[in-house]
Amino acid sequence: MPRHGGSGRFGAHVHCSVLAAGDRVSGASIHLVDGEYDTGEVIAQLEVPVLPGDTVEVLSRRVLEAEHRLLPMVVQQIATGQRPQPNIGCEYAGRSPQSDGG
């Protein structure tokens, strides 16, 4: 999520930061690109719960799944002239977060 973005914050660095902060949610964000690093307006997000016992690898896999759902959805919305929804919601709405093996 944007709270853990910025210069040098990519890949495992982000997930490590989320876990170290004790955050209860992470997720995928899509933002407009501007002249600074990770400062553009967030146009869509999909939250992912941080579960007890998560490791960087497990959380990373869960966030990547959310990214693979969110990006095509936002591209489709933009391509059809729709404004993306700022917060899509929780990745696990309607299903058990334990179902991913995490």
N, C-alpha and C. Protein backbone atom coordinates (compact mmCIF):
# COMPACT_ATOMS: atom_id res chain seq x y z
N MET A 1 0.84 -1.17 0.00
CA MET A 1 0.00 0.00 0.00
C MET A 1 0.90 1.24 0.00
N PRO A 2 0.36 2.37 -0.32
CA PRO A 2 1.19 3.57 -0.44
C PRO A 2 2.03 3.90 0.79
N ARG A 3 1.57 3.51 1.95
CA ARG A 3 2.32 3.80 3.18
C ARG A 3 3.72 3.21 3.16
N HIS A 4 3.92 2.13 2.45
CA HIS A 4 5.22 1.45 2.42
C HIS A 4 5.93 1.60 1.07
N GLY A 5 5.54 2.61 0.30
CA GLY A 5 6.17 2.85 -0.99
C GLY A 5 7.31 3.83 -0.87
N GLY A 6 7.83 4.22 -2.00
CA GLY A 6 8.91 5.20 -2.03
C GLY A 6 10.18 4.62 -2.63
N SER A 7 11.17 5.44 -2.74
CA SER A 7 12.44 5.04 -3.34
C SER A 7 13.04 3.85 -2.59
N GLY A 8 13.39 2.83 -3.32
CA GLY A 8 14.00 1.64 -2.73
C GLY A 8 13.00 0.67 -2.15
N ARG A 9 11.73 1.02 -2.18
CA ARG A 9 10.69 0.15 -1.62
C ARG A 9 10.00 -0.58 -2.75
N PHE A 10 10.47 -1.78 -3.04
CA PHE A 10 9.86 -2.62 -4.06
C PHE A 10 10.08 -4.07 -3.66
N GLY A 11 9.30 -4.95 -4.22
CA GLY A 11 9.45 -6.37 -3.96
C GLY A 11 9.41 -6.71 -2.48
N ALA A 12 10.34 -7.54 -2.06
CA ALA A 12 10.39 -8.04 -0.68
C ALA A 12 10.57 -6.90 0.33
N HIS A 13 11.18 -5.79 -0.07
CA HIS A 13 11.38 -4.66 0.85
C HIS A 13 10.03 -4.15 1.38
N VAL A 14 9.03 -4.09 0.50
CA VAL A 14 7.71 -3.60 0.90
C VAL A 14 7.08 -4.57 1.90
N HIS A 15 7.11 -5.85 1.58
CA HIS A 15 6.45 -6.84 2.44
C HIS A 15 7.16 -6.94 3.79
N CYS A 16 8.46 -6.82 3.79
CA CYS A 16 9.22 -6.81 5.04
C CYS A 16 8.81 -5.61 5.88
N SER A 17 8.66 -4.46 5.26
CA SER A 17 8.25 -3.24 5.97
C SER A 17 6.85 -3.39 6.56
N VAL A 18 5.94 -3.98 5.80
CA VAL A 18 4.56 -4.20 6.27
C VAL A 18 4.57 -5.10 7.50
N LEU A 19 5.31 -6.20 7.42
CA LEU A 19 5.37 -7.14 8.55
C LEU A 19 6.04 -6.51 9.76
N ALA A 20 7.12 -5.77 9.54
CA ALA A 20 7.84 -5.13 10.65
C ALA A 20 6.96 -4.08 11.34
N ALA A 21 6.10 -3.43 10.58
CA ALA A 21 5.22 -2.40 11.15
C ALA A 21 4.03 -3.01 11.90
N GLY A 22 3.81 -4.29 11.70
CA GLY A 22 2.68 -4.94 12.35
C GLY A 22 1.34 -4.60 11.72
N ASP A 23 1.37 -4.16 10.47
CA ASP A 23 0.13 -3.81 9.78
C ASP A 23 -0.77 -5.03 9.64
N ARG A 24 -2.07 -4.80 9.68
CA ARG A 24 -3.04 -5.88 9.54
C ARG A 24 -3.50 -6.09 8.10
N VAL A 25 -3.21 -5.11 7.24
CA VAL A 25 -3.54 -5.23 5.82
C VAL A 25 -2.37 -4.74 4.98
N SER A 26 -2.26 -5.32 3.81
CA SER A 26 -1.34 -4.87 2.78
C SER A 26 -2.18 -4.82 1.52
N GLY A 27 -1.56 -4.92 0.38
CA GLY A 27 -2.36 -4.97 -0.83
C GLY A 27 -1.66 -4.42 -2.04
N ALA A 28 -2.45 -4.28 -3.08
CA ALA A 28 -1.97 -3.78 -4.36
C ALA A 28 -2.57 -2.40 -4.60
N SER A 29 -1.76 -1.49 -5.13
CA SER A 29 -2.22 -0.15 -5.46
C SER A 29 -1.80 0.19 -6.88
N ILE A 30 -2.65 0.88 -7.58
CA ILE A 30 -2.32 1.42 -8.90
C ILE A 30 -2.46 2.93 -8.79
N HIS A 31 -1.41 3.63 -9.21
CA HIS A 31 -1.45 5.09 -9.10
C HIS A 31 -1.00 5.72 -10.40
N LEU A 32 -1.41 6.98 -10.57
CA LEU A 32 -0.97 7.74 -11.73
C LEU A 32 0.51 8.08 -11.55
N VAL A 33 1.23 8.07 -12.63
CA VAL A 33 2.65 8.39 -12.59
C VAL A 33 2.81 9.90 -12.71
N ASP A 34 3.65 10.45 -11.84
CA ASP A 34 3.97 11.87 -11.91
C ASP A 34 5.50 12.01 -11.88
N GLY A 35 6.00 13.16 -11.56
CA GLY A 35 7.44 13.41 -11.61
C GLY A 35 8.23 12.88 -10.42
N GLU A 36 7.55 12.36 -9.41
CA GLU A 36 8.22 11.85 -8.22
C GLU A 36 8.03 10.33 -8.13
N TYR A 37 8.71 9.72 -7.19
CA TYR A 37 8.64 8.27 -7.02
C TYR A 37 7.48 7.91 -6.09
N ASP A 38 6.52 7.16 -6.59
CA ASP A 38 5.37 6.67 -5.81
C ASP A 38 4.55 7.78 -5.16
N THR A 39 4.39 8.92 -5.82
CA THR A 39 3.61 10.01 -5.22
C THR A 39 2.34 10.31 -6.00
N GLY A 40 2.13 9.67 -7.14
CA GLY A 40 0.95 9.95 -7.94
C GLY A 40 -0.33 9.53 -7.25
N GLU A 41 -1.44 10.11 -7.69
CA GLU A 41 -2.75 9.81 -7.13
C GLU A 41 -3.06 8.31 -7.26
N VAL A 42 -3.46 7.70 -6.16
CA VAL A 42 -3.87 6.30 -6.18
C VAL A 42 -5.24 6.24 -6.84
N ILE A 43 -5.35 5.42 -7.88
CA ILE A 43 -6.62 5.32 -8.59
C ILE A 43 -7.36 4.03 -8.28
N ALA A 44 -6.66 3.04 -7.73
CA ALA A 44 -7.34 1.79 -7.33
C ALA A 44 -6.47 1.03 -6.35
N GLN A 45 -7.12 0.36 -5.42
CA GLN A 45 -6.43 -0.47 -4.44
C GLN A 45 -7.24 -1.73 -4.19
N LEU A 46 -6.54 -2.77 -3.82
CA LEU A 46 -7.18 -4.01 -3.40
C LEU A 46 -6.45 -4.46 -2.15
N GLU A 47 -7.16 -4.47 -1.03
CA GLU A 47 -6.54 -4.84 0.24
C GLU A 47 -6.38 -6.34 0.35
N VAL A 48 -5.33 -6.74 1.05
CA VAL A 48 -5.02 -8.13 1.33
C VAL A 48 -4.72 -8.23 2.82
N PRO A 49 -5.36 -9.15 3.54
CA PRO A 49 -5.08 -9.24 4.97
C PRO A 49 -3.67 -9.77 5.23
N VAL A 50 -3.08 -9.27 6.29
CA VAL A 50 -1.83 -9.84 6.79
C VAL A 50 -2.26 -10.81 7.88
N LEU A 51 -1.93 -12.08 7.70
CA LEU A 51 -2.38 -13.12 8.60
C LEU A 51 -1.30 -13.49 9.60
N PRO A 52 -1.71 -13.96 10.79
CA PRO A 52 -0.72 -14.40 11.77
C PRO A 52 0.20 -15.46 11.15
N GLY A 53 1.48 -15.32 11.39
CA GLY A 53 2.44 -16.28 10.87
C GLY A 53 2.90 -16.00 9.45
N ASP A 54 2.39 -14.94 8.82
CA ASP A 54 2.84 -14.61 7.46
C ASP A 54 4.34 -14.38 7.43
N THR A 55 4.96 -14.85 6.38
CA THR A 55 6.35 -14.53 6.08
C THR A 55 6.35 -13.59 4.89
N VAL A 56 7.50 -13.03 4.59
CA VAL A 56 7.61 -12.16 3.43
C VAL A 56 7.16 -12.91 2.18
N GLU A 57 7.57 -14.17 2.05
CA GLU A 57 7.25 -14.95 0.85
C GLU A 57 5.75 -15.21 0.73
N VAL A 58 5.10 -15.57 1.84
CA VAL A 58 3.67 -15.86 1.81
C VAL A 58 2.87 -14.60 1.52
N LEU A 59 3.20 -13.51 2.20
CA LEU A 59 2.50 -12.24 1.96
C LEU A 59 2.74 -11.77 0.53
N SER A 60 3.95 -11.90 0.06
CA SER A 60 4.29 -11.50 -1.31
C SER A 60 3.42 -12.25 -2.32
N ARG A 61 3.25 -13.53 -2.11
CA ARG A 61 2.44 -14.35 -3.03
C ARG A 61 0.98 -13.89 -3.01
N ARG A 62 0.45 -13.58 -1.83
CA ARG A 62 -0.94 -13.14 -1.70
C ARG A 62 -1.13 -11.78 -2.38
N VAL A 63 -0.18 -10.87 -2.20
CA VAL A 63 -0.28 -9.54 -2.83
C VAL A 63 -0.15 -9.67 -4.35
N LEU A 64 0.74 -10.52 -4.82
CA LEU A 64 0.89 -10.72 -6.27
C LEU A 64 -0.41 -11.22 -6.90
N GLU A 65 -1.12 -12.11 -6.21
CA GLU A 65 -2.42 -12.57 -6.71
C GLU A 65 -3.39 -11.40 -6.83
N ALA A 66 -3.37 -10.50 -5.84
CA ALA A 66 -4.23 -9.32 -5.89
C ALA A 66 -3.83 -8.41 -7.05
N GLU A 67 -2.53 -8.24 -7.27
CA GLU A 67 -2.06 -7.42 -8.39
C GLU A 67 -2.54 -7.99 -9.72
N HIS A 68 -2.51 -9.32 -9.84
CA HIS A 68 -2.92 -9.97 -11.09
C HIS A 68 -4.42 -9.82 -11.33
N ARG A 69 -5.19 -9.61 -10.29
CA ARG A 69 -6.62 -9.35 -10.44
C ARG A 69 -6.89 -7.87 -10.70
N LEU A 70 -6.16 -7.01 -9.99
CA LEU A 70 -6.45 -5.57 -10.03
C LEU A 70 -6.02 -4.91 -11.34
N LEU A 71 -4.82 -5.17 -11.80
CA LEU A 71 -4.32 -4.47 -12.98
C LEU A 71 -5.20 -4.68 -14.21
N PRO A 72 -5.55 -5.92 -14.57
CA PRO A 72 -6.42 -6.06 -15.75
C PRO A 72 -7.78 -5.38 -15.58
N MET A 73 -8.31 -5.40 -14.35
CA MET A 73 -9.59 -4.76 -14.08
C MET A 73 -9.49 -3.25 -14.34
N VAL A 74 -8.42 -2.62 -13.85
CA VAL A 74 -8.25 -1.18 -14.02
C VAL A 74 -7.99 -0.82 -15.48
N VAL A 75 -7.17 -1.62 -16.16
CA VAL A 75 -6.91 -1.37 -17.58
C VAL A 75 -8.21 -1.46 -18.37
N GLN A 76 -9.04 -2.45 -18.07
CA GLN A 76 -10.33 -2.59 -18.75
C GLN A 76 -11.22 -1.39 -18.48
N GLN A 77 -11.25 -0.92 -17.23
CA GLN A 77 -12.08 0.24 -16.89
C GLN A 77 -11.61 1.47 -17.65
N ILE A 78 -10.32 1.70 -17.69
CA ILE A 78 -9.79 2.87 -18.40
C ILE A 78 -10.07 2.74 -19.90
N ALA A 79 -9.88 1.54 -20.45
CA ALA A 79 -10.09 1.33 -21.88
C ALA A 79 -11.54 1.56 -22.30
N THR A 80 -12.47 1.36 -21.38
CA THR A 80 -13.88 1.56 -21.71
C THR A 80 -14.40 2.91 -21.21
N GLY A 81 -13.50 3.78 -20.79
CA GLY A 81 -13.88 5.13 -20.40
C GLY A 81 -14.41 5.28 -18.99
N GLN A 82 -14.28 4.24 -18.18
CA GLN A 82 -14.74 4.31 -16.80
C GLN A 82 -13.62 4.85 -15.91
N ARG A 83 -14.00 5.45 -14.81
CA ARG A 83 -13.04 5.89 -13.80
C ARG A 83 -12.86 4.74 -12.82
N PRO A 84 -11.63 4.24 -12.62
CA PRO A 84 -11.41 3.14 -11.67
C PRO A 84 -11.89 3.51 -10.27
N GLN A 85 -12.39 2.51 -9.56
CA GLN A 85 -12.82 2.70 -8.18
C GLN A 85 -11.59 2.80 -7.29
N PRO A 86 -11.53 3.83 -6.41
CA PRO A 86 -10.34 4.02 -5.59
C PRO A 86 -10.02 2.85 -4.67
N ASN A 87 -11.02 2.22 -4.09
CA ASN A 87 -10.76 1.10 -3.20
C ASN A 87 -11.72 -0.02 -3.56
N ILE A 88 -11.19 -1.03 -4.22
CA ILE A 88 -11.99 -2.16 -4.68
C ILE A 88 -12.53 -2.94 -3.48
N GLY A 89 -11.77 -2.99 -2.41
CA GLY A 89 -12.18 -3.72 -1.21
C GLY A 89 -11.16 -4.76 -0.83
N CYS A 90 -11.62 -5.72 -0.09
CA CYS A 90 -10.73 -6.75 0.44
C CYS A 90 -10.64 -7.91 -0.53
N GLU A 91 -9.46 -8.38 -0.76
CA GLU A 91 -9.20 -9.53 -1.62
C GLU A 91 -10.00 -10.75 -1.17
N TYR A 92 -10.24 -10.87 0.11
CA TYR A 92 -10.85 -12.09 0.64
C TYR A 92 -12.31 -11.92 1.00
N ALA A 93 -12.96 -10.89 0.48
CA ALA A 93 -14.39 -10.71 0.74
C ALA A 93 -15.14 -11.94 0.24
N GLY A 94 -15.88 -12.54 1.13
CA GLY A 94 -16.70 -13.68 0.73
C GLY A 94 -16.00 -15.02 0.72
N ARG A 95 -14.73 -15.08 1.09
CA ARG A 95 -14.07 -16.38 1.18
C ARG A 95 -13.06 -16.38 2.30
N SER A 96 -12.65 -17.51 2.70
CA SER A 96 -11.77 -17.63 3.85
C SER A 96 -10.35 -17.28 3.49
N PRO A 97 -9.68 -16.39 4.26
CA PRO A 97 -8.30 -16.07 3.96
C PRO A 97 -7.38 -17.27 4.15
N GLN A 98 -7.77 -18.25 4.94
CA GLN A 98 -6.94 -19.43 5.14
C GLN A 98 -6.93 -20.34 3.91
N SER A 99 -7.83 -20.13 2.97
CA SER A 99 -7.92 -21.00 1.82
C SER A 99 -6.73 -20.93 0.89
N ASP A 100 -5.84 -19.94 1.09
CA ASP A 100 -4.68 -19.82 0.21
C ASP A 100 -3.46 -20.55 0.75
N GLY A 101 -3.62 -21.24 1.87
CA GLY A 101 -2.49 -21.97 2.43
C GLY A 101 -1.59 -21.11 3.26
N GLY A 102 -1.93 -19.81 3.44
CA GLY A 102 -1.07 -18.91 4.18
C GLY A 102 -1.38 -18.93 5.57
